[in-house]
Amino acid sequence: MKYADSGVNIDAATKALARSKKSIRSTWDDRVKNEMGAFGGLFQAAPGEPLLVASVDGVGTKVMIARMAGRYNTVGQDLVNHCVDDILVQGAEPLFFLDYFATSKLEDDVLPDIIEGFAIGCRENGAALLGGETAEMPGVYSAGEFDLAGTIVGRVREEDVIDGSRIAAGDKVWGLPSTGLHTNGYSLARAVLFDKAGYTVNDTPDELGGTSVGDALLAVHRSYLNPVRAMWAEFGRDAIRGLCHITGGGFYDNIPRVIPDGLCVNVDPTAWTPLPIFSLIGARGGVANSEMYRVFNMGIGLVVIAPAGIDLGRIEGAGAVLIGEVSAGDDKVKLPF
């Protein structure tokens, strides 16, 4: 199976955005400090001031797993943590978060749990839950359906922005473990595990070692803010030359977003063992490795690029694993399949 078989076409989305570049750029002036394709938008209100960094995202069809399991207190945390990681890769720390919740009809047992998830995520990341919007849209959503989106705003000093420009051949590539699928690839996961394999959220396949399908799929998206802060404290900000959040598009589409032309990140997938949920999806769906590493994070949620000699494995609690090296080359990212 492929992601497109589940109704999601990454290439079509990329092409549509490419056709919109001119319209987007028509709104920019010299206060915008990023290029198209960055994880977050950089905006400097006045010369010399810190840059504001903003990002907006959702949790995709993970909300459907929450609905199936009747568990709503995790997807709010997922959304906050995802957004935090998106601005973290540019060196920013969060200031505040705003949410958008849309559904067919408000249910008393759903919205409070989701908002509590937002609050937990914000407290853990030191961000204020500043406000949001709640929308009832019968006819747009079927009974029981809902969707989430969130916007985060953070701040970084101009001299501390991480844009990948200092990455050089010989740099080491480290991976920080994920907790699961995080917030991407759920349409393919659902097509494989529920439609093709016939599992329910309560089933416990042997491959998951006693964990239910629902628990594995609802594992909370990890925030990498504290591990990266610890790296800055130990080695200095200059030691971290590149950060990449492995989200939709997996390794193949995300790593090139931070790699300068003429360089290639060579990833060794034997350096770590993917979490059991990924092995289950790949086996039950007959999904090729190249497709798995384009759709999912495969157990690595954040890629960190640092000079040789910087041992990120020393950072307690980060779980950093050496997964590759930067070399000269035009591919930007290379895996052995």
C-alpha atoms as a PDB file:
ATOM      1  CA  MET A   1       0.000   0.000   0.000  1.00  0.00           C
ATOM      2  CA  LYS A   2       0.962   3.641  -0.495  1.00  0.00           C
ATOM      3  CA  TYR A   3      -0.154   6.843   1.182  1.00  0.00           C
ATOM      4  CA  ALA A   4      -2.068   7.801  -1.966  1.00  0.00           C
ATOM      5  CA  ASP A   5      -4.109   4.584  -1.612  1.00  0.00           C
ATOM      6  CA  SER A   6      -5.544   6.022   1.620  1.00  0.00           C
ATOM      7  CA  GLY A   7      -6.591   9.245  -0.111  1.00  0.00           C
ATOM      8  CA  VAL A   8      -3.594  11.461   0.718  1.00  0.00           C
ATOM      9  CA  ASN A   9      -1.446  12.757  -2.133  1.00  0.00           C
ATOM     10  CA  ILE A  10       1.678  14.536  -0.862  1.00  0.00           C
ATOM     11  CA  ASP A  11       2.863  15.398  -4.367  1.00  0.00           C
ATOM     12  CA  ALA A  12      -0.427  17.095  -5.253  1.00  0.00           C
ATOM     13  CA  ALA A  13      -0.238  19.257  -2.137  1.00  0.00           C
ATOM     14  CA  THR A  14       3.360  20.227  -2.931  1.00  0.00           C
ATOM     15  CA  LYS A  15       2.433  21.220  -6.486  1.00  0.00           C
ATOM     16  CA  ALA A  16      -0.563  23.257  -5.319  1.00  0.00           C
ATOM     17  CA  LEU A  17       1.603  25.208  -2.874  1.00  0.00           C
ATOM     18  CA  ALA A  18       4.209  25.815  -5.563  1.00  0.00           C
ATOM     19  CA  ARG A  19       1.527  27.436  -7.737  1.00  0.00           C
ATOM     20  CA  SER A  20       0.615  29.710  -4.813  1.00  0.00           C
ATOM     21  CA  LYS A  21       4.094  31.097  -4.133  1.00  0.00           C
ATOM     22  CA  LYS A  22       3.545  34.296  -6.091  1.00  0.00           C
ATOM     23  CA  SER A  23       0.372  35.136  -4.169  1.00  0.00           C
ATOM     24  CA  ILE A  24       2.053  34.448  -0.838  1.00  0.00           C
ATOM     25  CA  ARG A  25       5.129  36.513  -1.610  1.00  0.00           C
ATOM     26  CA  SER A  26       2.956  39.437  -2.729  1.00  0.00           C
ATOM     27  CA  THR A  27       2.113  40.009   0.975  1.00  0.00           C
ATOM     28  CA  TRP A  28       5.742  40.102   2.159  1.00  0.00           C
ATOM     29  CA  ASP A  29       8.030  43.013   2.913  1.00  0.00           C
ATOM     30  CA  ASP A  30      11.476  43.207   4.536  1.00  0.00           C
ATOM     31  CA  ARG A  31      10.020  42.283   7.947  1.00  0.00           C
ATOM     32  CA  VAL A  32       9.622  38.668   6.753  1.00  0.00           C
ATOM     33  CA  LYS A  33      12.913  36.875   7.403  1.00  0.00           C
ATOM     34  CA  ASN A  34      12.322  33.352   6.074  1.00  0.00           C
ATOM     35  CA  GLU A  35      12.060  31.651   2.705  1.00  0.00           C
ATOM     36  CA  MET A  36       9.168  29.528   1.484  1.00  0.00           C
ATOM     37  CA  GLY A  37       9.126  26.026   2.930  1.00  0.00           C
ATOM     38  CA  ALA A  38      10.428  26.838   6.415  1.00  0.00           C
ATOM     39  CA  PHE A  39       8.845  25.057   9.370  1.00  0.00           C
ATOM     40  CA  GLY A  40       7.805  28.409  10.846  1.00  0.00           C
ATOM     41  CA  GLY A  41       7.450  31.957   9.605  1.00  0.00           C
ATOM     42  CA  LEU A  42       9.978  34.535  10.857  1.00  0.00           C
ATOM     43  CA  PHE A  43       8.808  38.112  11.360  1.00  0.00           C
ATOM     44  CA  GLN A  44      10.739  41.079  12.746  1.00  0.00           C
ATOM     45  CA  ALA A  45       8.452  43.929  13.745  1.00  0.00           C
ATOM     46  CA  ALA A  46      11.297  46.479  13.867  1.00  0.00           C
ATOM     47  CA  PRO A  47      15.060  46.399  13.229  1.00  0.00           C
ATOM     48  CA  GLY A  48      17.021  45.055  16.176  1.00  0.00           C
ATOM     49  CA  GLU A  49      14.046  43.411  17.854  1.00  0.00           C
ATOM     50  CA  PRO A  50      13.840  39.634  18.430  1.00  0.00           C
ATOM     51  CA  LEU A  51      12.090  37.709  15.682  1.00  0.00           C
ATOM     52  CA  LEU A  52       8.620  36.321  16.185  1.00  0.00           C
ATOM     53  CA  VAL A  53       8.261  32.763  14.881  1.00  0.00           C
ATOM     54  CA  ALA A  54       4.793  31.433  14.056  1.00  0.00           C
ATOM     55  CA  SER A  55       3.422  28.125  12.854  1.00  0.00           C
ATOM     56  CA  VAL A  56      -0.008  26.562  12.375  1.00  0.00           C
ATOM     57  CA  ASP A  57      -0.857  22.873  12.168  1.00  0.00           C
ATOM     58  CA  GLY A  58      -3.335  20.128  12.982  1.00  0.00           C
ATOM     59  CA  VAL A  59      -3.250  16.525  14.156  1.00  0.00           C
ATOM     60  CA  GLY A  60      -4.801  15.083  11.007  1.00  0.00           C
ATOM     61  CA  THR A  61      -6.937  11.982  11.195  1.00  0.00           C
ATOM     62  CA  LYS A  62      -5.506  11.086  14.589  1.00  0.00           C
ATOM     63  CA  VAL A  63      -8.737  12.693  15.824  1.00  0.00           C
ATOM     64  CA  MET A  64     -10.569   9.686  14.352  1.00  0.00           C
ATOM     65  CA  ILE A  65      -8.506   7.310  16.507  1.00  0.00           C
ATOM     66  CA  ALA A  66      -9.391   9.413  19.552  1.00  0.00           C
ATOM     67  CA  ARG A  67     -13.047   9.112  18.600  1.00  0.00           C
ATOM     68  CA  MET A  68     -12.790   5.341  18.105  1.00  0.00           C
ATOM     69  CA  ALA A  69     -11.102   4.922  21.494  1.00  0.00           C
ATOM     70  CA  GLY A  70     -13.352   7.437  23.277  1.00  0.00           C
ATOM     71  CA  ARG A  71     -10.230   9.165  24.587  1.00  0.00           C
ATOM     72  CA  TYR A  72      -9.902  12.898  24.020  1.00  0.00           C
ATOM     73  CA  ASN A  73      -7.318  14.111  26.541  1.00  0.00           C
ATOM     74  CA  THR A  74      -4.229  13.424  24.399  1.00  0.00           C
ATOM     75  CA  VAL A  75      -4.820  15.010  20.987  1.00  0.00           C
ATOM     76  CA  GLY A  76      -4.693  18.520  22.467  1.00  0.00           C
ATOM     77  CA  GLN A  77      -1.237  17.767  23.872  1.00  0.00           C
ATOM     78  CA  ASP A  78      -0.237  16.366  20.477  1.00  0.00           C
ATOM     79  CA  LEU A  79      -1.138  19.598  18.757  1.00  0.00           C
ATOM     80  CA  VAL A  80       0.720  21.873  21.180  1.00  0.00           C
ATOM     81  CA  ASN A  81       3.851  19.726  21.126  1.00  0.00           C
ATOM     82  CA  HIS A  82       3.819  19.466  17.334  1.00  0.00           C
ATOM     83  CA  CYS A  83       3.636  23.236  17.001  1.00  0.00           C
ATOM     84  CA  VAL A  84       6.375  23.745  19.614  1.00  0.00           C
ATOM     85  CA  ASP A  85       8.686  21.436  17.659  1.00  0.00           C
ATOM     86  CA  ASP A  86       7.946  23.245  14.403  1.00  0.00           C
ATOM     87  CA  ILE A  87       9.260  26.566  15.713  1.00  0.00           C
ATOM     88  CA  LEU A  88      11.991  24.977  17.838  1.00  0.00           C
ATOM     89  CA  VAL A  89      13.842  23.850  14.704  1.00  0.00           C
ATOM     90  CA  GLN A  90      14.493  27.516  13.935  1.00  0.00           C
ATOM     91  CA  GLY A  91      15.800  28.172  17.423  1.00  0.00           C
ATOM     92  CA  ALA A  92      12.598  29.654  18.847  1.00  0.00           C
ATOM     93  CA  GLU A  93      10.968  29.057  22.207  1.00  0.00           C
ATOM     94  CA  PRO A  94       7.186  29.351  22.589  1.00  0.00           C
ATOM     95  CA  LEU A  95       5.291  32.366  23.901  1.00  0.00           C
ATOM     96  CA  PHE A  96       1.614  31.542  23.353  1.00  0.00           C
ATOM     97  CA  PHE A  97      -0.758  29.156  21.607  1.00  0.00           C
ATOM     98  CA  LEU A  98      -4.252  29.511  20.116  1.00  0.00           C
ATOM     99  CA  ASP A  99      -6.565  26.655  19.207  1.00  0.00           C
ATOM    100  CA  TYR A 100      -9.382  25.989  16.751  1.00  0.00           C
ATOM    101  CA  PHE A 101     -11.935  23.247  17.458  1.00  0.00           C
ATOM    102  CA  ALA A 102     -14.634  22.436  14.909  1.00  0.00           C
ATOM    103  CA  THR A 103     -17.360  19.807  15.144  1.00  0.00           C
ATOM    104  CA  SER A 104     -20.848  18.930  14.011  1.00  0.00           C
ATOM    105  CA  LYS A 105     -22.337  19.413  17.496  1.00  0.00           C
ATOM    106  CA  LEU A 106     -20.655  20.182  20.797  1.00  0.00           C
ATOM    107  CA  GLU A 107     -20.532  17.225  23.179  1.00  0.00           C
ATOM    108  CA  ASP A 108     -20.006  17.744  26.903  1.00  0.00           C
ATOM    109  CA  ASP A 109     -17.573  14.839  27.226  1.00  0.00           C
ATOM    110  CA  VAL A 110     -15.277  15.878  24.355  1.00  0.00           C
ATOM    111  CA  LEU A 111     -14.409  19.583  24.403  1.00  0.00           C
ATOM    112  CA  PRO A 112     -13.336  19.858  28.082  1.00  0.00           C
ATOM    113  CA  ASP A 113     -10.922  16.927  27.686  1.00  0.00           C
ATOM    114  CA  ILE A 114      -9.430  18.407  24.543  1.00  0.00           C
ATOM    115  CA  ILE A 115      -8.982  21.816  26.160  1.00  0.00           C
ATOM    116  CA  GLU A 116      -7.346  20.184  29.166  1.00  0.00           C
ATOM    117  CA  GLY A 117      -4.932  18.539  26.697  1.00  0.00           C
ATOM    118  CA  PHE A 118      -4.118  21.968  25.273  1.00  0.00           C
ATOM    119  CA  ALA A 119      -3.540  23.262  28.792  1.00  0.00           C
ATOM    120  CA  ILE A 120      -1.255  20.372  29.733  1.00  0.00           C
ATOM    121  CA  GLY A 121       0.830  20.891  26.604  1.00  0.00           C
ATOM    122  CA  CYS A 122       1.068  24.626  27.178  1.00  0.00           C
ATOM    123  CA  ARG A 123       2.045  24.245  30.834  1.00  0.00           C
ATOM    124  CA  GLU A 124       4.737  21.684  30.022  1.00  0.00           C
ATOM    125  CA  ASN A 125       6.219  23.938  27.329  1.00  0.00           C
ATOM    126  CA  GLY A 126       5.899  27.229  29.211  1.00  0.00           C
ATOM    127  CA  ALA A 127       3.399  28.726  26.769  1.00  0.00           C
ATOM    128  CA  ALA A 128       0.182  30.616  27.485  1.00  0.00           C
ATOM    129  CA  LEU A 129      -3.065  29.204  26.100  1.00  0.00           C
ATOM    130  CA  LEU A 130      -4.115  32.634  24.926  1.00  0.00           C
ATOM    131  CA  GLY A 131      -7.433  31.929  23.230  1.00  0.00           C
ATOM    132  CA  GLY A 132      -9.193  30.021  20.504  1.00  0.00           C
ATOM    133  CA  GLU A 133     -12.291  29.412  18.440  1.00  0.00           C
ATOM    134  CA  THR A 134     -14.995  26.783  18.843  1.00  0.00           C
ATOM    135  CA  ALA A 135     -17.198  26.154  15.803  1.00  0.00           C
ATOM    136  CA  GLU A 136     -20.310  24.006  15.379  1.00  0.00           C
ATOM    137  CA  MET A 137     -20.805  23.167  11.712  1.00  0.00           C
ATOM    138  CA  PRO A 138     -23.476  20.526  11.133  1.00  0.00           C
ATOM    139  CA  GLY A 139     -23.473  19.517   7.505  1.00  0.00           C
ATOM    140  CA  VAL A 140     -19.746  20.154   7.159  1.00  0.00           C
ATOM    141  CA  TYR A 141     -18.916  17.484   9.746  1.00  0.00           C
ATOM    142  CA  SER A 142     -20.860  14.259  10.219  1.00  0.00           C
ATOM    143  CA  ALA A 143     -22.296  13.457  13.645  1.00  0.00           C
ATOM    144  CA  GLY A 144     -19.532  12.882  16.179  1.00  0.00           C
ATOM    145  CA  GLU A 145     -16.725  14.166  13.960  1.00  0.00           C
ATOM    146  CA  PHE A 146     -14.384  16.959  14.977  1.00  0.00           C
ATOM    147  CA  ASP A 147     -11.146  18.573  13.881  1.00  0.00           C
ATOM    148  CA  LEU A 148      -8.356  20.498  15.587  1.00  0.00           C
ATOM    149  CA  ALA A 149      -5.890  23.141  14.492  1.00  0.00           C
ATOM    150  CA  GLY A 150      -3.513  25.315  16.440  1.00  0.00           C
ATOM    151  CA  THR A 151      -1.283  28.343  16.012  1.00  0.00           C
ATOM    152  CA  ILE A 152       1.844  28.968  18.039  1.00  0.00           C
ATOM    153  CA  VAL A 153       3.955  32.098  18.332  1.00  0.00           C
ATOM    154  CA  GLY A 154       7.464  32.053  19.740  1.00  0.00           C
ATOM    155  CA  ARG A 155      10.521  34.253  19.819  1.00  0.00           C
ATOM    156  CA  VAL A 156      14.216  34.012  18.938  1.00  0.00           C
ATOM    157  CA  ARG A 157      17.032  36.536  18.792  1.00  0.00           C
ATOM    158  CA  GLU A 158      18.141  37.238  15.234  1.00  0.00           C
ATOM    159  CA  GLU A 159      21.661  35.949  15.920  1.00  0.00           C
ATOM    160  CA  ASP A 160      20.265  32.680  17.328  1.00  0.00           C
ATOM    161  CA  VAL A 161      18.113  31.705  14.342  1.00  0.00           C
ATOM    162  CA  ILE A 162      18.872  28.176  13.119  1.00  0.00           C
ATOM    163  CA  ASP A 163      18.495  28.049   9.343  1.00  0.00           C
ATOM    164  CA  GLY A 164      20.914  25.274   8.364  1.00  0.00           C
ATOM    165  CA  SER A 165      23.288  27.659   6.593  1.00  0.00           C
ATOM    166  CA  ARG A 166      26.239  26.604   8.792  1.00  0.00           C
ATOM    167  CA  ILE A 167      25.844  22.887   8.065  1.00  0.00           C
ATOM    168  CA  ALA A 168      29.022  21.479   6.498  1.00  0.00           C
ATOM    169  CA  ALA A 169      30.347  18.213   5.109  1.00  0.00           C
ATOM    170  CA  GLY A 170      31.593  16.037   7.951  1.00  0.00           C
ATOM    171  CA  ASP A 171      28.912  17.140  10.406  1.00  0.00           C
ATOM    172  CA  LYS A 172      27.239  14.371  12.366  1.00  0.00           C
ATOM    173  CA  VAL A 173      23.521  13.634  12.187  1.00  0.00           C
ATOM    174  CA  TRP A 174      21.720  12.650  15.372  1.00  0.00           C
ATOM    175  CA  GLY A 175      18.174  11.407  15.880  1.00  0.00           C
ATOM    176  CA  LEU A 176      15.962  11.914  18.913  1.00  0.00           C
ATOM    177  CA  PRO A 177      13.414   9.139  19.484  1.00  0.00           C
ATOM    178  CA  SER A 178       9.724   9.618  18.834  1.00  0.00           C
ATOM    179  CA  THR A 179       6.925   8.147  20.934  1.00  0.00           C
ATOM    180  CA  GLY A 180       5.047   6.796  17.924  1.00  0.00           C
ATOM    181  CA  LEU A 181       3.431   8.203  14.791  1.00  0.00           C
ATOM    182  CA  HIS A 182       3.187  11.622  16.485  1.00  0.00           C
ATOM    183  CA  THR A 183       0.686  13.439  14.222  1.00  0.00           C
ATOM    184  CA  ASN A 184       1.404  12.168  10.711  1.00  0.00           C
ATOM    185  CA  GLY A 185       0.529   9.233   8.500  1.00  0.00           C
ATOM    186  CA  TYR A 186      -2.723   8.305  10.221  1.00  0.00           C
ATOM    187  CA  SER A 187      -4.728   7.922   7.030  1.00  0.00           C
ATOM    188  CA  LEU A 188      -2.348   5.204   5.844  1.00  0.00           C
ATOM    189  CA  ALA A 189      -2.183   3.660   9.328  1.00  0.00           C
ATOM    190  CA  ARG A 190      -5.985   3.487   9.506  1.00  0.00           C
ATOM    191  CA  ALA A 191      -6.251   2.008   6.012  1.00  0.00           C
ATOM    192  CA  VAL A 192      -3.750  -0.717   6.909  1.00  0.00           C
ATOM    193  CA  LEU A 193      -4.664  -1.556  10.483  1.00  0.00           C
ATOM    194  CA  PHE A 194      -8.435  -1.145  10.475  1.00  0.00           C
ATOM    195  CA  ASP A 195      -9.559  -1.536   6.855  1.00  0.00           C
ATOM    196  CA  LYS A 196      -7.047  -4.127   5.625  1.00  0.00           C
ATOM    197  CA  ALA A 197      -5.963  -5.994   8.765  1.00  0.00           C
ATOM    198  CA  GLY A 198      -9.318  -5.680  10.551  1.00  0.00           C
ATOM    199  CA  TYR A 199      -8.003  -4.661  13.958  1.00  0.00           C
ATOM    200  CA  THR A 200      -9.961  -2.639  16.508  1.00  0.00           C
ATOM    201  CA  VAL A 201      -8.429  -0.093  18.859  1.00  0.00           C
ATOM    202  CA  ASN A 202      -8.651  -2.657  21.665  1.00  0.00           C
ATOM    203  CA  ASP A 203      -6.772  -5.458  19.882  1.00  0.00           C
ATOM    204  CA  THR A 204      -3.281  -6.347  21.135  1.00  0.00           C
ATOM    205  CA  PRO A 205      -1.284  -7.896  18.264  1.00  0.00           C
ATOM    206  CA  ASP A 206       1.755  -9.917  19.302  1.00  0.00           C
ATOM    207  CA  GLU A 207       3.987  -7.452  17.467  1.00  0.00           C
ATOM    208  CA  LEU A 208       2.993  -4.697  19.929  1.00  0.00           C
ATOM    209  CA  GLY A 209       4.045  -6.715  22.983  1.00  0.00           C
ATOM    210  CA  GLY A 210       0.804  -6.341  24.910  1.00  0.00           C
ATOM    211  CA  THR A 211       0.106  -2.739  23.902  1.00  0.00           C
ATOM    212  CA  SER A 212      -3.256  -2.162  22.243  1.00  0.00           C
ATOM    213  CA  VAL A 213      -3.534  -0.707  18.751  1.00  0.00           C
ATOM    214  CA  GLY A 214      -5.332   2.296  20.202  1.00  0.00           C
ATOM    215  CA  ASP A 215      -2.649   2.964  22.815  1.00  0.00           C
ATOM    216  CA  ALA A 216       0.136   2.710  20.234  1.00  0.00           C
ATOM    217  CA  LEU A 217      -1.622   5.082  17.852  1.00  0.00           C
ATOM    218  CA  LEU A 218      -2.584   7.606  20.540  1.00  0.00           C
ATOM    219  CA  ALA A 219       0.888   7.875  22.109  1.00  0.00           C
ATOM    220  CA  VAL A 220       1.407  11.578  22.772  1.00  0.00           C
ATOM    221  CA  HIS A 221       3.586  13.526  20.350  1.00  0.00           C
ATOM    222  CA  ARG A 222       6.901  14.293  22.078  1.00  0.00           C
ATOM    223  CA  SER A 223       8.053  17.856  22.674  1.00  0.00           C
ATOM    224  CA  TYR A 224      11.787  18.255  22.048  1.00  0.00           C
ATOM    225  CA  LEU A 225      12.054  21.669  23.699  1.00  0.00           C
ATOM    226  CA  ASN A 226      13.736  20.534  26.908  1.00  0.00           C
ATOM    227  CA  PRO A 227      16.269  18.167  25.259  1.00  0.00           C
ATOM    228  CA  VAL A 228      17.307  20.905  22.826  1.00  0.00           C
ATOM    229  CA  ARG A 229      17.571  23.431  25.654  1.00  0.00           C
ATOM    230  CA  ALA A 230      19.874  20.964  27.425  1.00  0.00           C
ATOM    231  CA  MET A 231      22.029  20.713  24.281  1.00  0.00           C
ATOM    232  CA  TRP A 232      22.317  24.491  24.090  1.00  0.00           C
ATOM    233  CA  ALA A 233      23.248  24.647  27.771  1.00  0.00           C
ATOM    234  CA  GLU A 234      25.895  21.935  27.438  1.00  0.00           C
ATOM    235  CA  PHE A 235      27.503  22.814  24.118  1.00  0.00           C
ATOM    236  CA  GLY A 236      26.325  26.355  23.282  1.00  0.00           C
ATOM    237  CA  ARG A 237      23.872  27.437  20.631  1.00  0.00           C
ATOM    238  CA  ASP A 238      26.529  27.469  17.901  1.00  0.00           C
ATOM    239  CA  ALA A 239      27.005  23.711  18.307  1.00  0.00           C
ATOM    240  CA  ILE A 240      23.566  22.994  16.853  1.00  0.00           C
ATOM    241  CA  ARG A 241      23.830  23.731  13.137  1.00  0.00           C
ATOM    242  CA  GLY A 242      20.546  22.244  11.991  1.00  0.00           C
ATOM    243  CA  LEU A 243      17.280  20.918  13.399  1.00  0.00           C
ATOM    244  CA  CYS A 244      14.593  19.090  11.456  1.00  0.00           C
ATOM    245  CA  HIS A 245      11.168  18.002  12.705  1.00  0.00           C
ATOM    246  CA  ILE A 246      10.237  14.719  11.006  1.00  0.00           C
ATOM    247  CA  THR A 247       6.566  15.330  10.247  1.00  0.00           C
ATOM    248  CA  GLY A 248       4.441  14.791   7.122  1.00  0.00           C
ATOM    249  CA  GLY A 249       6.760  13.760   4.308  1.00  0.00           C
ATOM    250  CA  GLY A 250       9.028  11.768   6.612  1.00  0.00           C
ATOM    251  CA  PHE A 251      12.775  11.780   6.023  1.00  0.00           C
ATOM    252  CA  TYR A 252      12.658  12.346   2.284  1.00  0.00           C
ATOM    253  CA  ASP A 253      10.647  15.577   2.310  1.00  0.00           C
ATOM    254  CA  ASN A 254      11.640  17.184   5.627  1.00  0.00           C
ATOM    255  CA  ILE A 255      15.414  16.870   5.824  1.00  0.00           C
ATOM    256  CA  PRO A 256      15.940  18.716   2.495  1.00  0.00           C
ATOM    257  CA  ARG A 257      14.111  21.716   3.994  1.00  0.00           C
ATOM    258  CA  VAL A 258      17.134  22.528   6.182  1.00  0.00           C
ATOM    259  CA  ILE A 259      20.080  21.317   4.066  1.00  0.00           C
ATOM    260  CA  PRO A 260      22.046  23.804   1.919  1.00  0.00           C
ATOM    261  CA  ASP A 261      22.572  23.085  -1.766  1.00  0.00           C
ATOM    262  CA  GLY A 262      25.559  20.883  -2.490  1.00  0.00           C
ATOM    263  CA  LEU A 263      25.229  18.825   0.685  1.00  0.00           C
ATOM    264  CA  CYS A 264      23.604  15.480   1.467  1.00  0.00           C
ATOM    265  CA  VAL A 265      22.494  13.875   4.723  1.00  0.00           C
ATOM    266  CA  ASN A 266      23.281  10.169   4.602  1.00  0.00           C
ATOM    267  CA  VAL A 267      20.893   8.350   6.943  1.00  0.00           C
ATOM    268  CA  ASP A 268      21.713   4.877   8.253  1.00  0.00           C
ATOM    269  CA  PRO A 269      18.367   3.271   9.196  1.00  0.00           C
ATOM    270  CA  THR A 270      20.181   0.370  10.891  1.00  0.00           C
ATOM    271  CA  ALA A 271      21.385   2.788  13.589  1.00  0.00           C
ATOM    272  CA  TRP A 272      18.086   2.463  15.453  1.00  0.00           C
ATOM    273  CA  THR A 273      15.166   0.038  15.671  1.00  0.00           C
ATOM    274  CA  PRO A 274      11.804   1.433  14.523  1.00  0.00           C
ATOM    275  CA  LEU A 275       9.023   1.210  17.083  1.00  0.00           C
ATOM    276  CA  PRO A 276       6.804  -1.902  16.832  1.00  0.00           C
ATOM    277  CA  ILE A 277       3.824   0.076  15.518  1.00  0.00           C
ATOM    278  CA  PHE A 278       5.787   0.957  12.361  1.00  0.00           C
ATOM    279  CA  SER A 279       6.813  -2.646  11.800  1.00  0.00           C
ATOM    280  CA  LEU A 280       3.188  -3.706  12.185  1.00  0.00           C
ATOM    281  CA  ILE A 281       1.960  -1.151   9.643  1.00  0.00           C
ATOM    282  CA  GLY A 282       4.680  -2.058   7.159  1.00  0.00           C
ATOM    283  CA  ALA A 283       4.067  -5.800   7.437  1.00  0.00           C
ATOM    284  CA  ARG A 284       0.259  -5.748   7.396  1.00  0.00           C
ATOM    285  CA  GLY A 285       0.107  -3.244   4.550  1.00  0.00           C
ATOM    286  CA  GLY A 286       2.985  -4.552   2.483  1.00  0.00           C
ATOM    287  CA  VAL A 287       4.305  -0.969   2.508  1.00  0.00           C
ATOM    288  CA  ALA A 288       7.716  -0.524   0.882  1.00  0.00           C
ATOM    289  CA  ASN A 289      10.539   0.853   3.035  1.00  0.00           C
ATOM    290  CA  SER A 290      10.884   3.905   0.814  1.00  0.00           C
ATOM    291  CA  GLU A 291       7.201   4.698   1.356  1.00  0.00           C
ATOM    292  CA  MET A 292       7.416   4.076   5.114  1.00  0.00           C
ATOM    293  CA  TYR A 293      10.310   6.531   5.455  1.00  0.00           C
ATOM    294  CA  ARG A 294       8.486   9.121   3.379  1.00  0.00           C
ATOM    295  CA  VAL A 295       5.213   8.920   5.337  1.00  0.00           C
ATOM    296  CA  PHE A 296       6.314   8.207   8.918  1.00  0.00           C
ATOM    297  CA  ASN A 297       9.026   9.294  11.356  1.00  0.00           C
ATOM    298  CA  MET A 298       9.929   5.610  11.902  1.00  0.00           C
ATOM    299  CA  GLY A 299      10.890   6.258  15.521  1.00  0.00           C
ATOM    300  CA  ILE A 300      12.979   9.416  14.978  1.00  0.00           C
ATOM    301  CA  GLY A 301      11.016  12.597  15.635  1.00  0.00           C
ATOM    302  CA  LEU A 302      13.791  15.199  15.524  1.00  0.00           C
ATOM    303  CA  VAL A 303      17.026  15.262  13.529  1.00  0.00           C
ATOM    304  CA  VAL A 304      19.896  17.291  14.982  1.00  0.00           C
ATOM    305  CA  ILE A 305      23.016  18.214  12.997  1.00  0.00           C
ATOM    306  CA  ALA A 306      26.168  19.137  14.892  1.00  0.00           C
ATOM    307  CA  PRO A 307      29.914  19.261  14.198  1.00  0.00           C
ATOM    308  CA  ALA A 308      31.996  16.118  14.634  1.00  0.00           C
ATOM    309  CA  GLY A 309      33.234  15.913  18.215  1.00  0.00           C
ATOM    310  CA  ILE A 310      29.950  17.056  19.746  1.00  0.00           C
ATOM    311  CA  ASP A 311      28.550  14.025  21.555  1.00  0.00           C
ATOM    312  CA  LEU A 312      24.820  14.634  21.906  1.00  0.00           C
ATOM    313  CA  GLY A 313      24.493  11.174  23.436  1.00  0.00           C
ATOM    314  CA  ARG A 314      25.761  12.750  26.664  1.00  0.00           C
ATOM    315  CA  ILE A 315      22.544  14.714  27.145  1.00  0.00           C
ATOM    316  CA  GLU A 316      20.581  12.876  29.812  1.00  0.00           C
ATOM    317  CA  GLY A 317      17.027  12.053  28.852  1.00  0.00           C
ATOM    318  CA  ALA A 318      17.366  13.130  25.210  1.00  0.00           C
ATOM    319  CA  GLY A 319      18.015   9.623  23.900  1.00  0.00           C
ATOM    320  CA  ALA A 320      20.094  10.960  21.004  1.00  0.00           C
ATOM    321  CA  VAL A 321      21.345   8.316  18.558  1.00  0.00           C
ATOM    322  CA  LEU A 322      23.975   8.876  15.867  1.00  0.00           C
ATOM    323  CA  ILE A 323      22.136   8.100  12.620  1.00  0.00           C
ATOM    324  CA  GLY A 324      24.277   9.542   9.850  1.00  0.00           C
ATOM    325  CA  GLU A 325      26.690  12.089   8.463  1.00  0.00           C
ATOM    326  CA  VAL A 326      26.668  15.063   6.107  1.00  0.00           C
ATOM    327  CA  SER A 327      28.676  14.769   2.896  1.00  0.00           C
ATOM    328  CA  ALA A 328      29.087  16.688  -0.331  1.00  0.00           C
ATOM    329  CA  GLY A 329      26.364  15.819  -2.826  1.00  0.00           C
ATOM    330  CA  ASP A 330      23.289  17.087  -4.581  1.00  0.00           C
ATOM    331  CA  ASP A 331      20.680  14.669  -3.162  1.00  0.00           C
ATOM    332  CA  LYS A 332      20.163  16.523   0.178  1.00  0.00           C
ATOM    333  CA  VAL A 333      19.059  13.233   1.780  1.00  0.00           C
ATOM    334  CA  LYS A 334      19.952   9.653   1.014  1.00  0.00           C
ATOM    335  CA  LEU A 335      18.696   6.385   2.466  1.00  0.00           C
ATOM    336  CA  PRO A 336      19.594   2.889   1.192  1.00  0.00           C
ATOM    337  CA  PHE A 337      16.225   2.250  -0.473  1.00  0.00           C
END
